[in-house]
Each structure stands twice: as C-alpha cells, then as structure tokens.
Amino acid sequence: MNNSKKVKKEQLGMDPGTASNRLKKTLMFELAKKLDMHWCFQCAAEIEHSDDMSVEHKTPWLHSEDPKGLFFDIENIAFSHKSCNYRASRGNYPKSLCPSAAAYRRGCRCEGCKKAKKEYRKELKSRSY
C-alpha cells in the first residue's frame, strides 16, 4: 500500500475506495429524494435510507437482444429497496395488480392507478414522523 493511500485510510477509517462508493451512494440518494425518485420500483413504498436503496433495471438486460444498450439506458433505470430488487431478480416478487400504486410506479397510467398513487401519497403525507 502506497503512503498516500495509507494516510487516506487512516484519516477516513476505511479504504478510500469504500469511502468513495459510500459518498457516491449517499449523493445519489439525496439527489433521488430531491427529484422525488426515492420510491421503490417494485413495491412503490418510499426508500427511506441510502443503505436500503439499489439501482434497478426496469427491463432485465441480462440475456436480452441488446444487453449493453439496456444496461446503460437511463430510461431503463429506477430505484428499489435492496430486498425488493433481490426478490424480483429471483422471480419471487408478485407483480402488482392494476389498479395500484405499485402498478403506477411501473408505468401504468390508467385512472385507477393514478387514483391509487394519489391516495398512497396522501396517506404517506398524513403520517407523523
């Protein structure tokens, strides 16, 4: 380990690469909150902590006709709870029925899903934290 990395590790209390990744994740989470994008793609609930947030590919890129294109397509990216993303990638997550707030988060814009999303957000705002 070179001297510069050793000094950084001592001052940060962790490897500089780990610290950099934590900072990037915290920054991404704070920006997602400011843009109102901190809602789970899978369950539609609020993602409350950066440690619980994961990057989600809406359409799976692996084994697709254009894996590289889907992987880097920003329109194919959403955020999910780590646990929801993990379950979905294993095929263990029930698809939300329409109408629901979760179906709205997945892109459905029928009147029932719009209403369900509005009611869900109203309920969240009424909770005291």
C-alpha atoms as a PDB file:
ATOM      1  CA  MET A   1       0.000   0.000   0.000  1.00  0.00           C
ATOM      2  CA  ASN A   2       1.480   3.349  -1.007  1.00  0.00           C
ATOM      3  CA  ASN A   3       1.896   6.103   1.573  1.00  0.00           C
ATOM      4  CA  SER A   4      -0.896   8.309   0.149  1.00  0.00           C
ATOM      5  CA  LYS A   5      -3.464   5.506   0.308  1.00  0.00           C
ATOM      6  CA  LYS A   6      -2.289   4.560   3.796  1.00  0.00           C
ATOM      7  CA  VAL A   7      -2.740   8.145   5.045  1.00  0.00           C
ATOM      8  CA  LYS A   8      -6.210   8.365   3.451  1.00  0.00           C
ATOM      9  CA  LYS A   9      -7.202   5.048   5.001  1.00  0.00           C
ATOM     10  CA  GLU A  10      -6.038   6.198   8.439  1.00  0.00           C
ATOM     11  CA  GLN A  11      -7.900   9.506   8.190  1.00  0.00           C
ATOM     12  CA  LEU A  12     -11.121   8.062   6.767  1.00  0.00           C
ATOM     13  CA  GLY A  13     -11.103   4.943   8.923  1.00  0.00           C
ATOM     14  CA  MET A  14     -11.679   2.819   5.820  1.00  0.00           C
ATOM     15  CA  ASP A  15     -10.284   2.122   2.387  1.00  0.00           C
ATOM     16  CA  PRO A  16     -10.561   5.249   0.173  1.00  0.00           C
ATOM     17  CA  GLY A  17     -12.425   3.222  -2.471  1.00  0.00           C
ATOM     18  CA  THR A  18     -15.043   2.169   0.082  1.00  0.00           C
ATOM     19  CA  ALA A  19     -15.380   5.770   1.279  1.00  0.00           C
ATOM     20  CA  SER A  20     -15.782   6.999  -2.302  1.00  0.00           C
ATOM     21  CA  ASN A  21     -18.507   4.441  -3.039  1.00  0.00           C
ATOM     22  CA  ARG A  22     -20.395   5.372   0.153  1.00  0.00           C
ATOM     23  CA  LEU A  23     -20.201   9.053  -0.757  1.00  0.00           C
ATOM     24  CA  LYS A  24     -21.496   8.384  -4.291  1.00  0.00           C
ATOM     25  CA  LYS A  25     -24.394   6.302  -2.971  1.00  0.00           C
ATOM     26  CA  THR A  26     -25.330   8.962  -0.393  1.00  0.00           C
ATOM     27  CA  LEU A  27     -25.151  11.672  -3.049  1.00  0.00           C
ATOM     28  CA  MET A  28     -27.293   9.617  -5.452  1.00  0.00           C
ATOM     29  CA  PHE A  29     -29.867   9.018  -2.706  1.00  0.00           C
ATOM     30  CA  GLU A  30     -30.049  12.707  -1.760  1.00  0.00           C
ATOM     31  CA  LEU A  31     -30.495  13.684  -5.425  1.00  0.00           C
ATOM     32  CA  ALA A  32     -33.167  10.998  -5.846  1.00  0.00           C
ATOM     33  CA  LYS A  33     -35.056  12.493  -2.882  1.00  0.00           C
ATOM     34  CA  LYS A  34     -34.833  15.997  -4.334  1.00  0.00           C
ATOM     35  CA  LEU A  35     -36.163  14.703  -7.649  1.00  0.00           C
ATOM     36  CA  ASP A  36     -38.899  12.646  -5.938  1.00  0.00           C
ATOM     37  CA  MET A  37     -37.379   9.455  -7.334  1.00  0.00           C
ATOM     38  CA  HIS A  38     -36.875   7.722  -3.967  1.00  0.00           C
ATOM     39  CA  TRP A  39     -39.830   5.371  -4.400  1.00  0.00           C
ATOM     40  CA  CYS A  40     -39.353   1.638  -4.849  1.00  0.00           C
ATOM     41  CA  PHE A  41     -39.988   0.438  -8.386  1.00  0.00           C
ATOM     42  CA  GLN A  42     -41.170  -2.930  -7.070  1.00  0.00           C
ATOM     43  CA  CYS A  43     -43.395  -2.101  -4.090  1.00  0.00           C
ATOM     44  CA  ALA A  44     -43.992   1.668  -4.598  1.00  0.00           C
ATOM     45  CA  ALA A  45     -43.081   2.438  -0.976  1.00  0.00           C
ATOM     46  CA  GLU A  46     -40.678   5.185  -0.015  1.00  0.00           C
ATOM     47  CA  ILE A  47     -36.998   4.294   0.201  1.00  0.00           C
ATOM     48  CA  GLU A  48     -36.049   5.979   3.462  1.00  0.00           C
ATOM     49  CA  HIS A  49     -32.304   5.326   3.758  1.00  0.00           C
ATOM     50  CA  SER A  50     -29.436   5.255   1.280  1.00  0.00           C
ATOM     51  CA  ASP A  51     -28.301   1.915   2.726  1.00  0.00           C
ATOM     52  CA  ASP A  52     -31.582   0.359   1.580  1.00  0.00           C
ATOM     53  CA  MET A  53     -31.520   1.755  -1.987  1.00  0.00           C
ATOM     54  CA  SER A  54     -30.419  -0.208  -5.032  1.00  0.00           C
ATOM     55  CA  VAL A  55     -30.316   0.547  -8.735  1.00  0.00           C
ATOM     56  CA  GLU A  56     -32.992  -1.371 -10.639  1.00  0.00           C
ATOM     57  CA  HIS A  57     -33.157  -2.167 -14.345  1.00  0.00           C
ATOM     58  CA  LYS A  58     -36.853  -1.944 -15.239  1.00  0.00           C
ATOM     59  CA  THR A  59     -36.359  -4.335 -18.149  1.00  0.00           C
ATOM     60  CA  PRO A  60     -33.750  -7.012 -17.415  1.00  0.00           C
ATOM     61  CA  TRP A  61     -30.670  -6.513 -19.531  1.00  0.00           C
ATOM     62  CA  LEU A  62     -29.088  -9.933 -18.995  1.00  0.00           C
ATOM     63  CA  HIS A  63     -29.665 -12.281 -21.932  1.00  0.00           C
ATOM     64  CA  SER A  64     -31.587  -9.599 -23.847  1.00  0.00           C
ATOM     65  CA  GLU A  65     -31.091  -8.811 -27.525  1.00  0.00           C
ATOM     66  CA  ASP A  66     -29.167  -5.648 -26.564  1.00  0.00           C
ATOM     67  CA  PRO A  67     -27.671  -6.204 -23.099  1.00  0.00           C
ATOM     68  CA  LYS A  68     -25.224  -3.304 -23.278  1.00  0.00           C
ATOM     69  CA  GLY A  69     -27.897  -0.914 -24.561  1.00  0.00           C
ATOM     70  CA  LEU A  70     -30.400  -1.880 -21.837  1.00  0.00           C
ATOM     71  CA  PHE A  71     -27.744  -1.823 -19.118  1.00  0.00           C
ATOM     72  CA  PHE A  72     -26.724   1.789 -19.841  1.00  0.00           C
ATOM     73  CA  ASP A  73     -30.149   3.135 -20.866  1.00  0.00           C
ATOM     74  CA  ILE A  74     -31.026   5.764 -18.250  1.00  0.00           C
ATOM     75  CA  GLU A  75     -34.733   5.384 -19.088  1.00  0.00           C
ATOM     76  CA  ASN A  76     -34.407   1.744 -18.026  1.00  0.00           C
ATOM     77  CA  ILE A  77     -33.185   2.689 -14.538  1.00  0.00           C
ATOM     78  CA  ALA A  78     -35.227   3.068 -11.362  1.00  0.00           C
ATOM     79  CA  PHE A  79     -34.520   2.610  -7.677  1.00  0.00           C
ATOM     80  CA  SER A  80     -35.747  -0.154  -5.401  1.00  0.00           C
ATOM     81  CA  HIS A  81     -35.306  -1.375  -1.879  1.00  0.00           C
ATOM     82  CA  LYS A  82     -32.426  -3.847  -1.869  1.00  0.00           C
ATOM     83  CA  SER A  83     -34.747  -6.590  -0.623  1.00  0.00           C
ATOM     84  CA  CYS A  84     -37.378  -5.882  -3.302  1.00  0.00           C
ATOM     85  CA  ASN A  85     -34.752  -5.827  -6.057  1.00  0.00           C
ATOM     86  CA  TYR A  86     -33.267  -9.085  -4.791  1.00  0.00           C
ATOM     87  CA  ARG A  87     -36.659 -10.831  -4.672  1.00  0.00           C
ATOM     88  CA  ALA A  88     -37.606  -9.539  -8.131  1.00  0.00           C
ATOM     89  CA  SER A  89     -34.343 -10.724  -9.664  1.00  0.00           C
ATOM     90  CA  ARG A  90     -35.053 -14.200  -8.271  1.00  0.00           C
ATOM     91  CA  GLY A  91     -38.594 -14.184  -9.655  1.00  0.00           C
ATOM     92  CA  ASN A  92     -40.087 -14.215  -6.149  1.00  0.00           C
ATOM     93  CA  TYR A  93     -41.861 -10.867  -6.293  1.00  0.00           C
ATOM     94  CA  PRO A  94     -45.559 -10.805  -7.077  1.00  0.00           C
ATOM     95  CA  LYS A  95     -46.475  -8.490  -9.917  1.00  0.00           C
ATOM     96  CA  SER A  96     -48.746  -5.715  -8.731  1.00  0.00           C
ATOM     97  CA  LEU A  97     -52.256  -5.863  -9.974  1.00  0.00           C
ATOM     98  CA  CYS A  98     -53.839  -2.902 -11.642  1.00  0.00           C
ATOM     99  CA  PRO A  99     -55.034  -0.622 -10.205  1.00  0.00           C
ATOM    100  CA  SER A 100     -52.402   0.012  -7.518  1.00  0.00           C
ATOM    101  CA  ALA A 101     -49.694   2.478  -6.547  1.00  0.00           C
ATOM    102  CA  ALA A 102     -47.072  -0.137  -7.397  1.00  0.00           C
ATOM    103  CA  ALA A 103     -48.511  -0.640 -10.886  1.00  0.00           C
ATOM    104  CA  TYR A 104     -48.384   3.145 -11.305  1.00  0.00           C
ATOM    105  CA  ARG A 105     -44.689   3.114 -10.305  1.00  0.00           C
ATOM    106  CA  ARG A 106     -44.125   0.506 -13.009  1.00  0.00           C
ATOM    107  CA  GLY A 107     -45.622   2.802 -15.643  1.00  0.00           C
ATOM    108  CA  CYS A 108     -49.356   2.141 -15.704  1.00  0.00           C
ATOM    109  CA  ARG A 109     -51.286   5.386 -16.113  1.00  0.00           C
ATOM    110  CA  CYS A 110     -54.868   4.156 -16.064  1.00  0.00           C
ATOM    111  CA  GLU A 111     -57.287   6.204 -13.971  1.00  0.00           C
ATOM    112  CA  GLY A 112     -57.381   3.565 -11.226  1.00  0.00           C
ATOM    113  CA  CYS A 113     -53.587   3.555 -10.841  1.00  0.00           C
ATOM    114  CA  LYS A 114     -53.452   7.370 -10.871  1.00  0.00           C
ATOM    115  CA  LYS A 115     -56.046   7.431  -8.093  1.00  0.00           C
ATOM    116  CA  ALA A 116     -54.250   4.702  -6.110  1.00  0.00           C
ATOM    117  CA  LYS A 117     -50.961   6.599  -6.350  1.00  0.00           C
ATOM    118  CA  LYS A 118     -52.595   9.848  -5.237  1.00  0.00           C
ATOM    119  CA  GLU A 119     -54.238   8.131  -2.246  1.00  0.00           C
ATOM    120  CA  TYR A 120     -50.996   6.391  -1.317  1.00  0.00           C
ATOM    121  CA  ARG A 121     -49.035   9.675  -1.382  1.00  0.00           C
ATOM    122  CA  LYS A 122     -51.783  11.389   0.647  1.00  0.00           C
ATOM    123  CA  GLU A 123     -51.561   8.622   3.248  1.00  0.00           C
ATOM    124  CA  LEU A 124     -47.775   8.977   3.451  1.00  0.00           C
ATOM    125  CA  LYS A 125     -48.006  12.729   3.982  1.00  0.00           C
ATOM    126  CA  SER A 126     -50.563  12.297   6.748  1.00  0.00           C
ATOM    127  CA  ARG A 127     -48.265  10.047   8.792  1.00  0.00           C
ATOM    128  CA  SER A 128     -46.368  11.772  11.552  1.00  0.00           C
ATOM    129  CA  TYR A 129     -42.644  11.157  11.623  1.00  0.00           C
END
